Amino acid sequence: MGLSFEKRNLKKSINGVDLGPKLMKPNDIFSYQHRVQFYETDTMGVVHHSNYLRFCEEARVAWAHSVGLIDYQKPESASHFAVLETRVKHVKPALFGDVLTVWLQVRMEGIRIYFQYKIQKESEIISLAETTHVSLDKNLKPLRLTKEFKTVMETLVWKETWL
């Protein structure tokens, strides 16, 4: 798998919104953009609450790909991190057509991986979320984090707490 980032011929934008992850420099906070689609809303045009975790998942997978931990050509490379806990605070509604930026920070403590997300529409905070993950083996038993993962984590700094 390695830490190298291999360029792929993936769709880079939809409706003028850059879908690709922003490659991180050490100590950067990762960002990911998502345009709200019609199917993600209710009859009032408001994003259904269940979609915010999906937006976080999209950002988490894009982050892992950008740092070389997930290979889109090998979907099984993303399957070993189980969600242990989720928490979402809904601050303001997002609407059909809104362009949302999902900011992501990550840190580890022992075998747990903590992700923190801030979802914004321009400068307005729409939602704040946290997810906790653990690495599992094929028998669903907790695993220690790989040396590769720890190496990536050493380059990151948790800048601030949002939730």
C-alpha atoms as a PDB file:
ATOM      1  CA  MET A   1       0.000   0.000   0.000  1.00  0.00           C
ATOM      2  CA  GLY A   2       2.747   2.503   0.901  1.00  0.00           C
ATOM      3  CA  LEU A   3       2.562   6.193   1.586  1.00  0.00           C
ATOM      4  CA  SER A   4       2.906   7.240  -2.024  1.00  0.00           C
ATOM      5  CA  PHE A   5       0.020   9.120  -3.623  1.00  0.00           C
ATOM      6  CA  GLU A   6      -0.727   7.796  -7.072  1.00  0.00           C
ATOM      7  CA  LYS A   7      -2.709  10.074  -9.394  1.00  0.00           C
ATOM      8  CA  ARG A   8      -5.813   8.456 -10.806  1.00  0.00           C
ATOM      9  CA  ASN A   9      -8.288   9.430 -13.497  1.00  0.00           C
ATOM     10  CA  LEU A  10     -11.084  10.249 -11.047  1.00  0.00           C
ATOM     11  CA  LYS A  11     -13.824  12.796 -11.637  1.00  0.00           C
ATOM     12  CA  LYS A  12     -12.419  16.032 -10.241  1.00  0.00           C
ATOM     13  CA  SER A  13     -15.566  18.200 -10.151  1.00  0.00           C
ATOM     14  CA  ILE A  14     -19.331  18.158 -10.489  1.00  0.00           C
ATOM     15  CA  ASN A  15     -21.258  21.328 -11.288  1.00  0.00           C
ATOM     16  CA  GLY A  16     -18.104  23.385 -10.816  1.00  0.00           C
ATOM     17  CA  VAL A  17     -17.393  22.063  -7.299  1.00  0.00           C
ATOM     18  CA  ASP A  18     -13.952  20.581  -6.754  1.00  0.00           C
ATOM     19  CA  LEU A  19     -14.568  17.073  -5.417  1.00  0.00           C
ATOM     20  CA  GLY A  20     -10.984  16.098  -4.893  1.00  0.00           C
ATOM     21  CA  PRO A  21      -9.275  16.154  -1.544  1.00  0.00           C
ATOM     22  CA  LYS A  22      -6.851  18.936  -0.846  1.00  0.00           C
ATOM     23  CA  LEU A  23      -3.434  17.349  -0.456  1.00  0.00           C
ATOM     24  CA  MET A  24      -2.148  18.089   2.999  1.00  0.00           C
ATOM     25  CA  LYS A  25       1.059  19.686   4.026  1.00  0.00           C
ATOM     26  CA  PRO A  26       2.227  18.830   7.549  1.00  0.00           C
ATOM     27  CA  ASN A  27       0.070  20.561  10.181  1.00  0.00           C
ATOM     28  CA  ASP A  28      -2.714  21.474   7.715  1.00  0.00           C
ATOM     29  CA  ILE A  29      -6.360  20.859   8.489  1.00  0.00           C
ATOM     30  CA  PHE A  30      -7.810  18.705   5.700  1.00  0.00           C
ATOM     31  CA  SER A  31     -10.804  19.986   3.719  1.00  0.00           C
ATOM     32  CA  TYR A  32     -13.274  18.307   1.383  1.00  0.00           C
ATOM     33  CA  GLN A  33     -16.120  19.873  -0.606  1.00  0.00           C
ATOM     34  CA  HIS A  34     -19.590  18.461  -1.215  1.00  0.00           C
ATOM     35  CA  ARG A  35     -22.505  19.980  -3.163  1.00  0.00           C
ATOM     36  CA  VAL A  36     -25.860  19.038  -1.623  1.00  0.00           C
ATOM     37  CA  GLN A  37     -27.870  16.917  -4.042  1.00  0.00           C
ATOM     38  CA  PHE A  38     -31.666  16.810  -4.295  1.00  0.00           C
ATOM     39  CA  TYR A  39     -31.887  13.224  -3.002  1.00  0.00           C
ATOM     40  CA  GLU A  40     -30.108  14.291   0.222  1.00  0.00           C
ATOM     41  CA  THR A  41     -32.943  16.648   1.177  1.00  0.00           C
ATOM     42  CA  ASP A  42     -36.436  16.324   2.577  1.00  0.00           C
ATOM     43  CA  THR A  43     -39.623  17.896   1.149  1.00  0.00           C
ATOM     44  CA  MET A  44     -38.589  21.308   2.536  1.00  0.00           C
ATOM     45  CA  GLY A  45     -35.263  21.202   0.656  1.00  0.00           C
ATOM     46  CA  VAL A  46     -33.321  20.761   3.906  1.00  0.00           C
ATOM     47  CA  VAL A  47     -30.575  18.137   4.166  1.00  0.00           C
ATOM     48  CA  HIS A  48     -31.879  15.134   6.100  1.00  0.00           C
ATOM     49  CA  HIS A  49     -29.964  14.695   9.373  1.00  0.00           C
ATOM     50  CA  SER A  50     -28.738  11.201   8.397  1.00  0.00           C
ATOM     51  CA  ASN A  51     -26.640  12.629   5.560  1.00  0.00           C
ATOM     52  CA  TYR A  52     -24.227  14.570   7.762  1.00  0.00           C
ATOM     53  CA  LEU A  53     -22.465  11.362   8.837  1.00  0.00           C
ATOM     54  CA  ARG A  54     -22.256  10.390   5.178  1.00  0.00           C
ATOM     55  CA  PHE A  55     -20.558  13.722   4.389  1.00  0.00           C
ATOM     56  CA  CYS A  56     -18.104  13.005   7.222  1.00  0.00           C
ATOM     57  CA  GLU A  57     -17.446   9.531   5.828  1.00  0.00           C
ATOM     58  CA  GLU A  58     -16.734  10.990   2.373  1.00  0.00           C
ATOM     59  CA  ALA A  59     -14.236  13.418   3.911  1.00  0.00           C
ATOM     60  CA  ARG A  60     -12.617  10.698   6.054  1.00  0.00           C
ATOM     61  CA  VAL A  61     -12.107   8.397   3.058  1.00  0.00           C
ATOM     62  CA  ALA A  62     -10.773  11.301   0.942  1.00  0.00           C
ATOM     63  CA  TRP A  63      -8.336  12.188   3.755  1.00  0.00           C
ATOM     64  CA  ALA A  64      -7.146   8.575   4.054  1.00  0.00           C
ATOM     65  CA  HIS A  65      -6.643   8.422   0.295  1.00  0.00           C
ATOM     66  CA  SER A  66      -4.767  11.737   0.236  1.00  0.00           C
ATOM     67  CA  VAL A  67      -2.241  10.464   2.794  1.00  0.00           C
ATOM     68  CA  GLY A  68      -1.851   7.076   1.080  1.00  0.00           C
ATOM     69  CA  LEU A  69      -3.775   4.913   3.556  1.00  0.00           C
ATOM     70  CA  ILE A  70      -6.570   3.944   1.141  1.00  0.00           C
ATOM     71  CA  ASP A  71      -6.268   2.874  -2.462  1.00  0.00           C
ATOM     72  CA  TYR A  72      -9.451   3.480  -4.504  1.00  0.00           C
ATOM     73  CA  GLN A  73      -8.475   0.573  -6.744  1.00  0.00           C
ATOM     74  CA  LYS A  74      -8.525  -1.744  -3.683  1.00  0.00           C
ATOM     75  CA  PRO A  75     -11.763  -1.114  -1.762  1.00  0.00           C
ATOM     76  CA  GLU A  76     -10.734  -3.638   0.903  1.00  0.00           C
ATOM     77  CA  SER A  77      -8.019  -1.188   2.002  1.00  0.00           C
ATOM     78  CA  ALA A  78     -10.763   0.886   3.688  1.00  0.00           C
ATOM     79  CA  SER A  79     -12.560  -1.973   5.401  1.00  0.00           C
ATOM     80  CA  HIS A  80     -10.463  -2.458   8.527  1.00  0.00           C
ATOM     81  CA  PHE A  81     -11.508   0.613  10.492  1.00  0.00           C
ATOM     82  CA  ALA A  82     -14.755   0.050  12.361  1.00  0.00           C
ATOM     83  CA  VAL A  83     -16.867   2.908  13.676  1.00  0.00           C
ATOM     84  CA  LEU A  84     -17.031   2.707  17.458  1.00  0.00           C
ATOM     85  CA  GLU A  85     -18.869   5.944  18.201  1.00  0.00           C
ATOM     86  CA  THR A  86     -20.486   8.894  16.386  1.00  0.00           C
ATOM     87  CA  ARG A  87     -21.693  12.286  17.523  1.00  0.00           C
ATOM     88  CA  VAL A  88     -23.264  15.051  15.412  1.00  0.00           C
ATOM     89  CA  LYS A  89     -24.381  18.525  16.449  1.00  0.00           C
ATOM     90  CA  HIS A  90     -26.687  20.217  13.938  1.00  0.00           C
ATOM     91  CA  VAL A  91     -26.189  23.989  14.089  1.00  0.00           C
ATOM     92  CA  LYS A  92     -27.952  25.315  10.959  1.00  0.00           C
ATOM     93  CA  PRO A  93     -29.693  23.616   8.060  1.00  0.00           C
ATOM     94  CA  ALA A  94     -27.965  22.951   4.751  1.00  0.00           C
ATOM     95  CA  LEU A  95     -30.128  23.248   1.642  1.00  0.00           C
ATOM     96  CA  PHE A  96     -30.297  21.732  -1.820  1.00  0.00           C
ATOM     97  CA  GLY A  97     -27.459  23.124  -3.948  1.00  0.00           C
ATOM     98  CA  ASP A  98     -25.331  24.374  -1.049  1.00  0.00           C
ATOM     99  CA  VAL A  99     -21.604  23.844  -1.372  1.00  0.00           C
ATOM    100  CA  LEU A 100     -20.346  22.504   1.945  1.00  0.00           C
ATOM    101  CA  THR A 101     -16.757  22.323   3.114  1.00  0.00           C
ATOM    102  CA  VAL A 102     -15.982  19.514   5.522  1.00  0.00           C
ATOM    103  CA  TRP A 103     -12.918  20.269   7.652  1.00  0.00           C
ATOM    104  CA  LEU A 104     -11.317  17.223   9.253  1.00  0.00           C
ATOM    105  CA  GLN A 105      -8.777  16.643  12.003  1.00  0.00           C
ATOM    106  CA  VAL A 106      -7.549  13.285  13.230  1.00  0.00           C
ATOM    107  CA  ARG A 107      -5.631  12.017  16.241  1.00  0.00           C
ATOM    108  CA  MET A 108      -4.929   8.657  17.836  1.00  0.00           C
ATOM    109  CA  GLU A 109      -4.862   7.414  21.408  1.00  0.00           C
ATOM    110  CA  GLY A 110      -3.729   3.826  21.773  1.00  0.00           C
ATOM    111  CA  ILE A 111      -5.729   1.796  19.263  1.00  0.00           C
ATOM    112  CA  ARG A 112      -8.496   4.410  18.895  1.00  0.00           C
ATOM    113  CA  ILE A 113      -8.602   6.927  16.075  1.00  0.00           C
ATOM    114  CA  TYR A 114     -10.576  10.130  16.672  1.00  0.00           C
ATOM    115  CA  PHE A 115     -11.875  12.207  13.773  1.00  0.00           C
ATOM    116  CA  GLN A 116     -13.379  15.637  14.256  1.00  0.00           C
ATOM    117  CA  TYR A 117     -15.374  17.385  11.523  1.00  0.00           C
ATOM    118  CA  LYS A 118     -16.593  20.924  10.989  1.00  0.00           C
ATOM    119  CA  ILE A 119     -19.080  21.325   8.144  1.00  0.00           C
ATOM    120  CA  GLN A 120     -19.416  24.859   6.819  1.00  0.00           C
ATOM    121  CA  LYS A 121     -21.311  26.740   4.125  1.00  0.00           C
ATOM    122  CA  GLU A 122     -18.950  29.586   3.350  1.00  0.00           C
ATOM    123  CA  SER A 123     -18.064  30.898   6.835  1.00  0.00           C
ATOM    124  CA  GLU A 124     -21.229  29.586   8.555  1.00  0.00           C
ATOM    125  CA  ILE A 125     -20.939  26.463  10.687  1.00  0.00           C
ATOM    126  CA  ILE A 126     -23.651  24.023   9.640  1.00  0.00           C
ATOM    127  CA  SER A 127     -22.680  20.994  11.702  1.00  0.00           C
ATOM    128  CA  LEU A 128     -19.985  19.660  14.046  1.00  0.00           C
ATOM    129  CA  ALA A 129     -19.259  15.951  14.356  1.00  0.00           C
ATOM    130  CA  GLU A 130     -16.915  13.373  15.854  1.00  0.00           C
ATOM    131  CA  THR A 131     -16.332   9.738  15.023  1.00  0.00           C
ATOM    132  CA  THR A 132     -14.188   7.197  16.845  1.00  0.00           C
ATOM    133  CA  HIS A 133     -12.735   4.213  14.999  1.00  0.00           C
ATOM    134  CA  VAL A 134     -10.716   1.113  15.803  1.00  0.00           C
ATOM    135  CA  SER A 135      -8.770  -1.163  13.516  1.00  0.00           C
ATOM    136  CA  LEU A 136     -10.071  -4.727  13.365  1.00  0.00           C
ATOM    137  CA  ASP A 137      -8.737  -7.988  11.999  1.00  0.00           C
ATOM    138  CA  LYS A 138     -10.783 -10.406   9.848  1.00  0.00           C
ATOM    139  CA  ASN A 139     -12.243 -11.932  13.033  1.00  0.00           C
ATOM    140  CA  LEU A 140     -13.393  -8.485  14.188  1.00  0.00           C
ATOM    141  CA  LYS A 141     -10.833  -8.364  17.000  1.00  0.00           C
ATOM    142  CA  PRO A 142      -9.091  -5.044  17.770  1.00  0.00           C
ATOM    143  CA  LEU A 143      -5.670  -4.562  16.194  1.00  0.00           C
ATOM    144  CA  ARG A 144      -2.794  -2.258  16.995  1.00  0.00           C
ATOM    145  CA  LEU A 145      -2.403   0.496  14.464  1.00  0.00           C
ATOM    146  CA  THR A 146       0.093  -0.190  11.705  1.00  0.00           C
ATOM    147  CA  LYS A 147       3.496   1.463  11.585  1.00  0.00           C
ATOM    148  CA  GLU A 148       2.379   3.082   8.336  1.00  0.00           C
ATOM    149  CA  PHE A 149      -0.644   4.674  10.032  1.00  0.00           C
ATOM    150  CA  LYS A 150       1.447   5.869  12.974  1.00  0.00           C
ATOM    151  CA  THR A 151       3.966   7.414  10.567  1.00  0.00           C
ATOM    152  CA  VAL A 152       1.177   9.415   8.921  1.00  0.00           C
ATOM    153  CA  MET A 153      -0.189  10.478  12.307  1.00  0.00           C
ATOM    154  CA  GLU A 154       3.208  11.825  13.398  1.00  0.00           C
ATOM    155  CA  THR A 155       2.927  14.523  10.695  1.00  0.00           C
ATOM    156  CA  LEU A 156      -0.438  15.820  11.937  1.00  0.00           C
ATOM    157  CA  VAL A 157      -1.315  18.286  14.668  1.00  0.00           C
ATOM    158  CA  TRP A 158      -4.786  18.567  16.249  1.00  0.00           C
ATOM    159  CA  LYS A 159      -5.182  22.348  16.001  1.00  0.00           C
ATOM    160  CA  GLU A 160      -8.402  23.058  17.892  1.00  0.00           C
ATOM    161  CA  THR A 161     -11.428  21.349  19.376  1.00  0.00           C
ATOM    162  CA  TRP A 162     -14.734  22.068  17.619  1.00  0.00           C
ATOM    163  CA  LEU A 163     -17.222  19.915  19.524  1.00  0.00           C
END
